[in-house]
Amino acid sequence: METHLPEDRDGFRFRGGHVALDLAATLGARLKEQPHELLALPADLDRWLISSGLAARPPRSIQEDLDLARELREAIYAIASARGESGARKRLNAIAALPAARPQLSAQGELEREGNAREYLATIAREAVELFGGPEHERIRQCEGDGCSLLFLDLSRMGRRRWCSMQGCGNRAKARAFRDRGRE
């Protein structure tokens, strides 16, 4: 049974349609003069890992894990936004080569992963490698919302999705267009 979680959970945005793209969203207002770091403390990484659904309980992240998460995030963003130089690709591959969280089948028949923060990050990196190296990489988009830097996987039938979220950026863009038409 598939459950639909809210796009905004525990102070984070999950609008990317893929865990790697959601990690890239942890630097808020990326395109603005003063970006907002959502992974400021190791505890923030724990909250994100739980909110993303990867971890069932806090993995007790430490500063080194937080630094690795930020490195992974920036490598993912650089590659996904077509600004990925070989350094970003090498960093992503190096993190993907680390031991990953272990998948397990729960008593309820659901996928669970066990591991520490570094292992969860390696899992995200592996999924990013599969995304970027697979056919869906051509469906990665950057939101067209004014000032929005969120990346998302466009799985719409026609492949013409424009916004990270219809409830957020899409609604604002349509309201702005309506106001502009009224002024003409």
N, C-alpha and C. Protein backbone atom coordinates (compact mmCIF):
# COMPACT_ATOMS: atom_id res chain seq x y z
N MET A 1 0.84 -1.18 0.00
CA MET A 1 0.00 0.00 0.00
C MET A 1 0.88 1.24 0.00
N GLU A 2 0.68 2.12 -0.94
CA GLU A 2 1.49 3.33 -1.07
C GLU A 2 0.86 4.46 -0.27
N THR A 3 1.64 5.08 0.57
CA THR A 3 1.13 6.22 1.34
C THR A 3 1.73 7.49 0.78
N HIS A 4 0.93 8.51 0.72
CA HIS A 4 1.39 9.79 0.22
C HIS A 4 1.67 10.70 1.40
N LEU A 5 2.93 11.00 1.59
CA LEU A 5 3.34 11.87 2.68
C LEU A 5 3.28 13.31 2.23
N PRO A 6 3.12 14.23 3.16
CA PRO A 6 3.14 15.64 2.78
C PRO A 6 4.49 16.03 2.16
N GLU A 7 4.46 17.02 1.27
CA GLU A 7 5.70 17.48 0.62
C GLU A 7 6.63 18.17 1.61
N ASP A 8 6.09 18.83 2.59
CA ASP A 8 6.89 19.52 3.59
C ASP A 8 6.75 18.77 4.91
N ARG A 9 7.90 18.27 5.40
CA ARG A 9 7.90 17.48 6.63
C ARG A 9 9.05 17.91 7.52
N ASP A 10 8.74 18.22 8.75
CA ASP A 10 9.73 18.52 9.79
C ASP A 10 10.73 19.59 9.34
N GLY A 11 10.25 20.59 8.60
CA GLY A 11 11.11 21.69 8.18
C GLY A 11 11.87 21.46 6.89
N PHE A 12 11.61 20.33 6.22
CA PHE A 12 12.30 20.00 4.97
C PHE A 12 11.28 19.87 3.84
N ARG A 13 11.74 20.08 2.61
CA ARG A 13 10.89 19.92 1.43
C ARG A 13 11.25 18.62 0.71
N PHE A 14 10.22 17.85 0.43
CA PHE A 14 10.38 16.58 -0.29
C PHE A 14 9.50 16.66 -1.53
N ARG A 15 9.97 17.42 -2.49
CA ARG A 15 9.23 17.64 -3.72
C ARG A 15 9.94 17.09 -4.95
N GLY A 16 11.11 16.48 -4.74
CA GLY A 16 11.94 16.05 -5.85
C GLY A 16 11.51 14.77 -6.53
N GLY A 17 10.74 13.94 -5.83
CA GLY A 17 10.35 12.67 -6.42
C GLY A 17 11.46 11.63 -6.40
N HIS A 18 12.56 11.96 -5.76
CA HIS A 18 13.70 11.04 -5.65
C HIS A 18 14.52 11.50 -4.45
N VAL A 19 14.98 10.56 -3.65
CA VAL A 19 15.68 10.90 -2.41
C VAL A 19 16.93 11.76 -2.66
N ALA A 20 17.64 11.52 -3.74
CA ALA A 20 18.85 12.31 -4.03
C ALA A 20 18.48 13.76 -4.33
N LEU A 21 17.41 13.97 -5.08
CA LEU A 21 16.99 15.34 -5.40
C LEU A 21 16.43 16.03 -4.16
N ASP A 22 15.82 15.26 -3.27
CA ASP A 22 15.35 15.83 -2.01
C ASP A 22 16.51 16.25 -1.12
N LEU A 23 17.59 15.49 -1.14
CA LEU A 23 18.77 15.90 -0.37
C LEU A 23 19.32 17.22 -0.91
N ALA A 24 19.30 17.39 -2.22
CA ALA A 24 19.79 18.63 -2.83
C ALA A 24 18.96 19.84 -2.37
N ALA A 25 17.74 19.59 -1.92
CA ALA A 25 16.86 20.68 -1.47
C ALA A 25 17.15 21.14 -0.04
N THR A 26 18.16 20.56 0.59
CA THR A 26 18.45 20.95 1.97
C THR A 26 19.29 22.22 2.09
N LEU A 27 19.58 22.84 0.97
CA LEU A 27 20.15 24.19 0.99
C LEU A 27 19.05 25.09 0.44
N GLY A 28 18.34 25.75 1.34
CA GLY A 28 17.21 26.57 0.94
C GLY A 28 17.67 27.87 0.30
N ALA A 29 16.83 28.40 -0.58
CA ALA A 29 17.10 29.67 -1.26
C ALA A 29 18.48 29.66 -1.91
N ARG A 30 18.83 28.56 -2.51
CA ARG A 30 20.14 28.36 -3.13
C ARG A 30 20.49 29.46 -4.14
N LEU A 31 19.53 29.95 -4.87
CA LEU A 31 19.78 30.94 -5.91
C LEU A 31 19.77 32.38 -5.40
N LYS A 32 19.46 32.54 -4.14
CA LYS A 32 19.39 33.89 -3.58
C LYS A 32 20.73 34.29 -2.97
N GLU A 33 20.82 35.55 -2.60
CA GLU A 33 22.07 36.08 -2.07
C GLU A 33 22.52 35.37 -0.79
N GLN A 34 21.57 35.02 0.05
CA GLN A 34 21.91 34.36 1.30
C GLN A 34 21.15 33.03 1.41
N PRO A 35 21.75 31.95 0.91
CA PRO A 35 21.09 30.64 1.03
C PRO A 35 20.89 30.28 2.50
N HIS A 36 19.95 29.39 2.74
CA HIS A 36 19.62 28.96 4.10
C HIS A 36 19.99 27.49 4.27
N GLU A 37 20.94 27.23 5.14
CA GLU A 37 21.42 25.87 5.40
C GLU A 37 20.43 25.15 6.30
N LEU A 38 19.81 24.10 5.79
CA LEU A 38 18.86 23.33 6.57
C LEU A 38 19.55 22.19 7.33
N LEU A 39 20.77 21.87 6.93
CA LEU A 39 21.57 20.86 7.63
C LEU A 39 22.67 21.57 8.40
N ALA A 40 22.27 22.32 9.42
CA ALA A 40 23.22 23.12 10.18
C ALA A 40 23.93 22.31 11.27
N LEU A 41 23.26 21.31 11.80
CA LEU A 41 23.80 20.51 12.89
C LEU A 41 23.65 19.03 12.57
N PRO A 42 24.45 18.17 13.18
CA PRO A 42 24.27 16.73 12.97
C PRO A 42 22.84 16.27 13.27
N ALA A 43 22.21 16.86 14.27
CA ALA A 43 20.82 16.49 14.59
C ALA A 43 19.88 16.81 13.43
N ASP A 44 20.18 17.84 12.65
CA ASP A 44 19.37 18.16 11.48
C ASP A 44 19.46 17.04 10.44
N LEU A 45 20.64 16.48 10.28
CA LEU A 45 20.80 15.35 9.36
C LEU A 45 19.98 14.16 9.85
N ASP A 46 20.01 13.90 11.15
CA ASP A 46 19.17 12.82 11.71
C ASP A 46 17.70 13.06 11.38
N ARG A 47 17.22 14.29 11.60
CA ARG A 47 15.81 14.62 11.32
C ARG A 47 15.50 14.41 9.85
N TRP A 48 16.43 14.84 8.96
CA TRP A 48 16.18 14.69 7.53
C TRP A 48 16.13 13.21 7.14
N LEU A 49 17.04 12.42 7.66
CA LEU A 49 17.07 10.99 7.32
C LEU A 49 15.78 10.30 7.76
N ILE A 50 15.24 10.70 8.90
CA ILE A 50 13.98 10.13 9.37
C ILE A 50 12.83 10.66 8.51
N SER A 51 12.79 11.96 8.27
CA SER A 51 11.71 12.56 7.48
C SER A 51 11.69 12.02 6.05
N SER A 52 12.86 11.69 5.51
CA SER A 52 12.94 11.17 4.14
C SER A 52 12.42 9.74 4.06
N GLY A 53 12.33 9.07 5.20
CA GLY A 53 11.88 7.69 5.21
C GLY A 53 13.01 6.68 5.14
N LEU A 54 14.24 7.16 5.03
CA LEU A 54 15.37 6.23 4.97
C LEU A 54 15.63 5.57 6.32
N ALA A 55 15.61 6.37 7.37
CA ALA A 55 15.93 5.86 8.71
C ALA A 55 14.66 5.81 9.55
N ALA A 56 14.53 4.79 10.36
CA ALA A 56 13.38 4.67 11.25
C ALA A 56 13.64 5.36 12.58
N ARG A 57 14.91 5.51 12.92
CA ARG A 57 15.29 6.17 14.18
C ARG A 57 16.56 6.98 13.94
N PRO A 58 16.82 7.94 14.80
CA PRO A 58 18.01 8.79 14.59
C PRO A 58 19.29 7.96 14.56
N PRO A 59 20.11 8.14 13.52
CA PRO A 59 21.36 7.37 13.45
C PRO A 59 22.49 7.98 14.26
N ARG A 60 22.22 9.04 14.99
CA ARG A 60 23.22 9.72 15.83
C ARG A 60 24.38 10.25 14.99
N SER A 61 24.04 11.08 14.04
CA SER A 61 25.05 11.68 13.16
C SER A 61 26.06 12.49 13.94
N ILE A 62 27.27 12.53 13.40
CA ILE A 62 28.34 13.36 13.97
C ILE A 62 28.75 14.38 12.91
N GLN A 63 29.63 15.28 13.27
CA GLN A 63 30.02 16.36 12.35
C GLN A 63 30.57 15.83 11.03
N GLU A 64 31.33 14.76 11.07
CA GLU A 64 31.88 14.19 9.83
C GLU A 64 30.76 13.70 8.90
N ASP A 65 29.70 13.16 9.49
CA ASP A 65 28.55 12.74 8.69
C ASP A 65 27.87 13.95 8.04
N LEU A 66 27.74 15.00 8.81
CA LEU A 66 27.12 16.23 8.30
C LEU A 66 27.95 16.79 7.15
N ASP A 67 29.26 16.82 7.31
CA ASP A 67 30.14 17.30 6.24
C ASP A 67 29.99 16.43 4.98
N LEU A 68 29.90 15.13 5.17
CA LEU A 68 29.72 14.22 4.04
C LEU A 68 28.37 14.46 3.36
N ALA A 69 27.33 14.68 4.16
CA ALA A 69 26.00 14.94 3.59
C ALA A 69 26.01 16.20 2.73
N ARG A 70 26.69 17.23 3.20
CA ARG A 70 26.77 18.48 2.43
C ARG A 70 27.57 18.28 1.14
N GLU A 71 28.65 17.52 1.22
CA GLU A 71 29.44 17.22 0.01
C GLU A 71 28.60 16.44 -1.00
N LEU A 72 27.88 15.45 -0.51
CA LEU A 72 27.02 14.66 -1.38
C LEU A 72 25.94 15.54 -1.99
N ARG A 73 25.33 16.37 -1.17
CA ARG A 73 24.28 17.27 -1.66
C ARG A 73 24.78 18.14 -2.80
N GLU A 74 25.95 18.73 -2.63
CA GLU A 74 26.49 19.63 -3.65
C GLU A 74 26.91 18.87 -4.91
N ALA A 75 27.41 17.66 -4.75
CA ALA A 75 27.75 16.85 -5.93
C ALA A 75 26.47 16.50 -6.71
N ILE A 76 25.43 16.12 -5.99
CA ILE A 76 24.16 15.80 -6.63
C ILE A 76 23.61 17.02 -7.35
N TYR A 77 23.61 18.16 -6.68
CA TYR A 77 23.07 19.37 -7.30
C TYR A 77 23.87 19.75 -8.56
N ALA A 78 25.19 19.66 -8.47
CA ALA A 78 26.04 20.02 -9.61
C ALA A 78 25.76 19.11 -10.81
N ILE A 79 25.63 17.83 -10.56
CA ILE A 79 25.38 16.89 -11.66
C ILE A 79 23.96 17.06 -12.20
N ALA A 80 22.98 17.16 -11.31
CA ALA A 80 21.58 17.25 -11.74
C ALA A 80 21.28 18.55 -12.47
N SER A 81 21.95 19.61 -12.11
CA SER A 81 21.67 20.90 -12.75
C SER A 81 22.59 21.13 -13.95
N ALA A 82 23.23 20.06 -14.41
CA ALA A 82 24.10 20.09 -15.60
C ALA A 82 25.30 21.00 -15.41
N ARG A 83 25.69 21.21 -14.17
CA ARG A 83 26.91 21.98 -13.90
C ARG A 83 27.97 21.06 -13.32
N GLY A 84 27.73 19.77 -13.43
CA GLY A 84 28.61 18.80 -12.79
C GLY A 84 29.91 18.61 -13.52
N GLU A 85 30.96 19.08 -12.91
CA GLU A 85 32.28 18.84 -13.46
C GLU A 85 32.75 17.48 -12.97
N SER A 86 33.88 17.04 -13.44
CA SER A 86 34.34 15.70 -13.09
C SER A 86 34.55 15.55 -11.59
N GLY A 87 34.86 16.62 -10.88
CA GLY A 87 35.03 16.54 -9.43
C GLY A 87 33.76 16.11 -8.73
N ALA A 88 32.62 16.62 -9.17
CA ALA A 88 31.33 16.25 -8.57
C ALA A 88 31.04 14.78 -8.84
N ARG A 89 31.30 14.33 -10.06
CA ARG A 89 31.07 12.94 -10.42
C ARG A 89 31.98 12.02 -9.59
N LYS A 90 33.24 12.40 -9.45
CA LYS A 90 34.18 11.59 -8.67
C LYS A 90 33.75 11.51 -7.21
N ARG A 91 33.28 12.62 -6.66
CA ARG A 91 32.86 12.64 -5.26
C ARG A 91 31.62 11.76 -5.07
N LEU A 92 30.67 11.87 -6.00
CA LEU A 92 29.47 11.04 -5.92
C LEU A 92 29.85 9.56 -5.98
N ASN A 93 30.71 9.20 -6.91
CA ASN A 93 31.13 7.80 -7.04
C ASN A 93 31.85 7.31 -5.80
N ALA A 94 32.67 8.16 -5.20
CA ALA A 94 33.41 7.77 -3.99
C ALA A 94 32.46 7.51 -2.83
N ILE A 95 31.45 8.35 -2.68
CA ILE A 95 30.49 8.15 -1.58
C ILE A 95 29.64 6.91 -1.86
N ALA A 96 29.28 6.70 -3.13
CA ALA A 96 28.49 5.52 -3.49
C ALA A 96 29.26 4.22 -3.23
N ALA A 97 30.59 4.29 -3.24
CA ALA A 97 31.41 3.10 -3.01
C ALA A 97 31.51 2.73 -1.53
N LEU A 98 31.08 3.60 -0.64
CA LEU A 98 31.12 3.31 0.79
C LEU A 98 30.08 2.23 1.12
N PRO A 99 30.26 1.54 2.25
CA PRO A 99 29.24 0.56 2.65
C PRO A 99 27.88 1.26 2.83
N ALA A 100 26.83 0.64 2.33
CA ALA A 100 25.49 1.22 2.36
C ALA A 100 24.66 0.63 3.49
N ALA A 101 23.55 1.30 3.78
CA ALA A 101 22.60 0.79 4.77
C ALA A 101 22.05 -0.54 4.27
N ARG A 102 21.80 -1.43 5.20
CA ARG A 102 21.36 -2.77 4.86
C ARG A 102 19.83 -2.84 4.73
N PRO A 103 19.33 -3.27 3.57
CA PRO A 103 17.88 -3.39 3.43
C PRO A 103 17.38 -4.62 4.18
N GLN A 104 16.21 -4.46 4.79
CA GLN A 104 15.58 -5.56 5.50
C GLN A 104 14.09 -5.50 5.25
N LEU A 105 13.45 -6.64 5.33
CA LEU A 105 12.01 -6.71 5.19
C LEU A 105 11.41 -6.74 6.59
N SER A 106 10.55 -5.78 6.89
CA SER A 106 9.95 -5.69 8.23
C SER A 106 8.88 -6.77 8.40
N ALA A 107 8.40 -6.92 9.62
CA ALA A 107 7.34 -7.88 9.90
C ALA A 107 6.07 -7.53 9.13
N GLN A 108 5.92 -6.26 8.78
CA GLN A 108 4.75 -5.81 8.02
C GLN A 108 4.96 -5.95 6.51
N GLY A 109 6.11 -6.47 6.11
CA GLY A 109 6.39 -6.66 4.69
C GLY A 109 6.86 -5.40 4.00
N GLU A 110 7.40 -4.45 4.75
CA GLU A 110 7.88 -3.18 4.18
C GLU A 110 9.40 -3.12 4.23
N LEU A 111 9.96 -2.36 3.29
CA LEU A 111 11.40 -2.16 3.24
C LEU A 111 11.84 -1.26 4.38
N GLU A 112 12.83 -1.70 5.11
CA GLU A 112 13.48 -0.88 6.13
C GLU A 112 14.98 -0.97 5.87
N ARG A 113 15.69 0.05 6.29
CA ARG A 113 17.14 0.04 6.17
C ARG A 113 17.74 0.23 7.55
N GLU A 114 18.82 -0.47 7.80
CA GLU A 114 19.56 -0.35 9.05
C GLU A 114 20.96 0.15 8.74
N GLY A 115 21.41 1.12 9.51
CA GLY A 115 22.77 1.60 9.32
C GLY A 115 23.02 2.88 10.09
N ASN A 116 24.21 3.39 9.90
CA ASN A 116 24.55 4.68 10.50
C ASN A 116 24.38 5.76 9.43
N ALA A 117 24.62 7.00 9.81
CA ALA A 117 24.39 8.11 8.88
C ALA A 117 25.25 7.96 7.62
N ARG A 118 26.49 7.58 7.76
CA ARG A 118 27.38 7.41 6.61
C ARG A 118 26.83 6.35 5.65
N GLU A 119 26.29 5.28 6.20
CA GLU A 119 25.72 4.22 5.36
C GLU A 119 24.45 4.68 4.65
N TYR A 120 23.64 5.49 5.33
CA TYR A 120 22.46 6.05 4.67
C TYR A 120 22.87 6.98 3.53
N LEU A 121 23.91 7.76 3.75
CA LEU A 121 24.39 8.67 2.70
C LEU A 121 24.94 7.88 1.51
N ALA A 122 25.62 6.78 1.78
CA ALA A 122 26.11 5.92 0.69
C ALA A 122 24.93 5.35 -0.10
N THR A 123 23.85 5.02 0.60
CA THR A 123 22.64 4.53 -0.07
C THR A 123 22.07 5.60 -1.00
N ILE A 124 22.01 6.83 -0.51
CA ILE A 124 21.52 7.94 -1.34
C ILE A 124 22.43 8.13 -2.55
N ALA A 125 23.73 8.06 -2.33
CA ALA A 125 24.68 8.24 -3.44
C ALA A 125 24.50 7.14 -4.49
N ARG A 126 24.28 5.92 -4.06
CA ARG A 126 24.06 4.82 -5.01
C ARG A 126 22.78 5.06 -5.82
N GLU A 127 21.75 5.51 -5.14
CA GLU A 127 20.50 5.79 -5.86
C GLU A 127 20.69 6.96 -6.83
N ALA A 128 21.52 7.93 -6.46
CA ALA A 128 21.82 9.05 -7.36
C ALA A 128 22.58 8.57 -8.59
N VAL A 129 23.54 7.69 -8.39
CA VAL A 129 24.29 7.13 -9.53
C VAL A 129 23.33 6.42 -10.48
N GLU A 130 22.42 5.63 -9.93
CA GLU A 130 21.44 4.93 -10.77
C GLU A 130 20.53 5.91 -11.49
N LEU A 131 20.14 6.98 -10.82
CA LEU A 131 19.30 8.01 -11.46
C LEU A 131 20.05 8.69 -12.59
N PHE A 132 21.25 9.19 -12.31
CA PHE A 132 22.01 9.93 -13.32
C PHE A 132 22.49 9.04 -14.46
N GLY A 133 22.72 7.76 -14.18
CA GLY A 133 23.20 6.85 -15.21
C GLY A 133 22.09 6.11 -15.93
N GLY A 134 20.85 6.35 -15.54
CA GLY A 134 19.73 5.64 -16.15
C GLY A 134 18.89 6.53 -17.05
N PRO A 135 17.84 5.98 -17.59
CA PRO A 135 17.02 6.72 -18.55
C PRO A 135 16.26 7.91 -17.95
N GLU A 136 16.02 7.89 -16.65
CA GLU A 136 15.25 8.98 -16.04
C GLU A 136 16.06 10.27 -15.88
N HIS A 137 17.38 10.22 -16.11
CA HIS A 137 18.18 11.43 -15.93
C HIS A 137 17.71 12.56 -16.85
N GLU A 138 17.13 12.21 -17.97
CA GLU A 138 16.63 13.23 -18.90
C GLU A 138 15.35 13.88 -18.41
N ARG A 139 14.79 13.35 -17.34
CA ARG A 139 13.54 13.89 -16.80
C ARG A 139 13.78 14.70 -15.53
N ILE A 140 15.02 14.99 -15.23
CA ILE A 140 15.32 15.86 -14.08
C ILE A 140 15.13 17.30 -14.53
N ARG A 141 14.38 18.05 -13.75
CA ARG A 141 14.09 19.44 -14.08
C ARG A 141 14.41 20.34 -12.89
N GLN A 142 14.61 21.61 -13.20
CA GLN A 142 14.71 22.61 -12.14
C GLN A 142 13.41 23.40 -12.16
N CYS A 143 12.88 23.66 -11.01
CA CYS A 143 11.61 24.36 -10.89
C CYS A 143 11.70 25.72 -11.59
N GLU A 144 10.64 26.07 -12.32
CA GLU A 144 10.57 27.36 -13.00
C GLU A 144 9.97 28.44 -12.11
N GLY A 145 9.67 28.11 -10.87
CA GLY A 145 9.14 29.10 -9.93
C GLY A 145 10.15 30.20 -9.70
N ASP A 146 9.66 31.41 -9.51
CA ASP A 146 10.51 32.57 -9.32
C ASP A 146 11.46 32.38 -8.13
N GLY A 147 12.74 32.26 -8.40
CA GLY A 147 13.74 32.11 -7.35
C GLY A 147 13.85 30.73 -6.77
N CYS A 148 13.07 29.78 -7.24
CA CYS A 148 13.11 28.41 -6.70
C CYS A 148 14.24 27.64 -7.37
N SER A 149 15.01 26.95 -6.58
CA SER A 149 16.13 26.17 -7.11
C SER A 149 15.91 24.67 -6.95
N LEU A 150 14.72 24.26 -6.54
CA LEU A 150 14.49 22.84 -6.30
C LEU A 150 14.52 22.05 -7.60
N LEU A 151 15.11 20.88 -7.50
CA LEU A 151 15.17 19.94 -8.62
C LEU A 151 14.10 18.89 -8.40
N PHE A 152 13.55 18.38 -9.48
CA PHE A 152 12.55 17.33 -9.35
C PHE A 152 12.62 16.39 -10.54
N LEU A 153 12.09 15.21 -10.34
CA LEU A 153 12.02 14.20 -11.37
C LEU A 153 10.63 14.30 -12.00
N ASP A 154 10.59 14.68 -13.26
CA ASP A 154 9.32 14.87 -13.96
C ASP A 154 8.83 13.53 -14.47
N LEU A 155 7.90 12.96 -13.77
CA LEU A 155 7.32 11.68 -14.16
C LEU A 155 5.94 11.86 -14.78
N SER A 156 5.61 13.09 -15.16
CA SER A 156 4.32 13.33 -15.81
C SER A 156 4.31 12.62 -17.16
N ARG A 157 3.14 12.27 -17.60
CA ARG A 157 3.02 11.51 -18.85
C ARG A 157 3.66 12.24 -20.02
N MET A 158 3.41 13.52 -20.15
CA MET A 158 3.92 14.29 -21.28
C MET A 158 5.34 14.83 -21.04
N GLY A 159 5.80 14.77 -19.80
CA GLY A 159 7.14 15.25 -19.49
C GLY A 159 7.27 16.76 -19.56
N ARG A 160 6.20 17.47 -19.21
CA ARG A 160 6.23 18.92 -19.29
C ARG A 160 5.96 19.61 -17.96
N ARG A 161 6.20 18.93 -16.88
CA ARG A 161 6.01 19.53 -15.56
C ARG A 161 6.97 20.70 -15.41
N ARG A 162 6.51 21.81 -14.83
CA ARG A 162 7.31 23.02 -14.74
C ARG A 162 7.71 23.40 -13.32
N TRP A 163 6.95 22.93 -12.34
CA TRP A 163 7.18 23.38 -10.97
C TRP A 163 7.46 22.22 -10.03
N CYS A 164 8.19 22.52 -8.98
CA CYS A 164 8.50 21.49 -7.99
C CYS A 164 7.22 21.02 -7.30
N SER A 165 6.26 21.93 -7.19
CA SER A 165 5.01 21.61 -6.52
C SER A 165 3.89 22.48 -7.08
N MET A 166 2.81 21.85 -7.44
CA MET A 166 1.66 22.63 -7.92
C MET A 166 1.08 23.44 -6.77
N GLN A 167 1.13 22.91 -5.55
CA GLN A 167 0.59 23.61 -4.39
C GLN A 167 1.43 24.83 -4.02
N GLY A 168 2.70 24.80 -4.32
CA GLY A 168 3.59 25.90 -3.97
C GLY A 168 3.89 26.79 -5.16
N CYS A 169 4.98 26.52 -5.84
CA CYS A 169 5.45 27.36 -6.95
C CYS A 169 4.45 27.43 -8.10
N GLY A 170 3.80 26.32 -8.42
CA GLY A 170 2.84 26.32 -9.51
C GLY A 170 1.66 27.22 -9.23
N ASN A 171 1.14 27.16 -8.01
CA ASN A 171 0.01 27.99 -7.62
C ASN A 171 0.38 29.47 -7.65
N ARG A 172 1.58 29.80 -7.15
CA ARG A 172 2.03 31.20 -7.16
C ARG A 172 2.20 31.71 -8.58
N ALA A 173 2.76 30.89 -9.46
CA ALA A 173 2.96 31.31 -10.86
C ALA A 173 1.62 31.52 -11.56
N LYS A 174 0.68 30.64 -11.33
CA LYS A 174 -0.63 30.79 -11.97
C LYS A 174 -1.37 32.00 -11.42
N ALA A 175 -1.26 32.26 -10.12
CA ALA A 175 -1.91 33.45 -9.54
C ALA A 175 -1.27 34.72 -10.10
N ARG A 176 0.05 34.73 -10.25
CA ARG A 176 0.75 35.89 -10.82
C ARG A 176 0.32 36.12 -12.27
N ALA A 177 0.21 35.06 -13.05
CA ALA A 177 -0.22 35.17 -14.44
C ALA A 177 -1.66 35.69 -14.51
N PHE A 178 -2.51 35.25 -13.61
CA PHE A 178 -3.90 35.72 -13.57
C PHE A 178 -3.94 37.22 -13.26
N ARG A 179 -3.16 37.65 -12.26
CA ARG A 179 -3.10 39.08 -11.92
C ARG A 179 -2.57 39.89 -13.09
N ASP A 180 -1.55 39.38 -13.78
CA ASP A 180 -0.97 40.09 -14.92
C ASP A 180 -1.99 40.23 -16.05
N ARG A 181 -2.77 39.18 -16.28
CA ARG A 181 -3.80 39.27 -17.33
C ARG A 181 -4.86 40.31 -16.97
N GLY A 182 -5.16 40.41 -15.67
CA GLY A 182 -6.15 41.39 -15.23
C GLY A 182 -5.70 42.83 -15.40
N ARG A 183 -4.39 43.03 -15.37
CA ARG A 183 -3.83 44.38 -15.52
C ARG A 183 -3.81 44.83 -16.97
N GLU A 184 -3.85 43.90 -17.89
CA GLU A 184 -3.74 44.24 -19.32
C GLU A 184 -5.03 44.79 -19.88
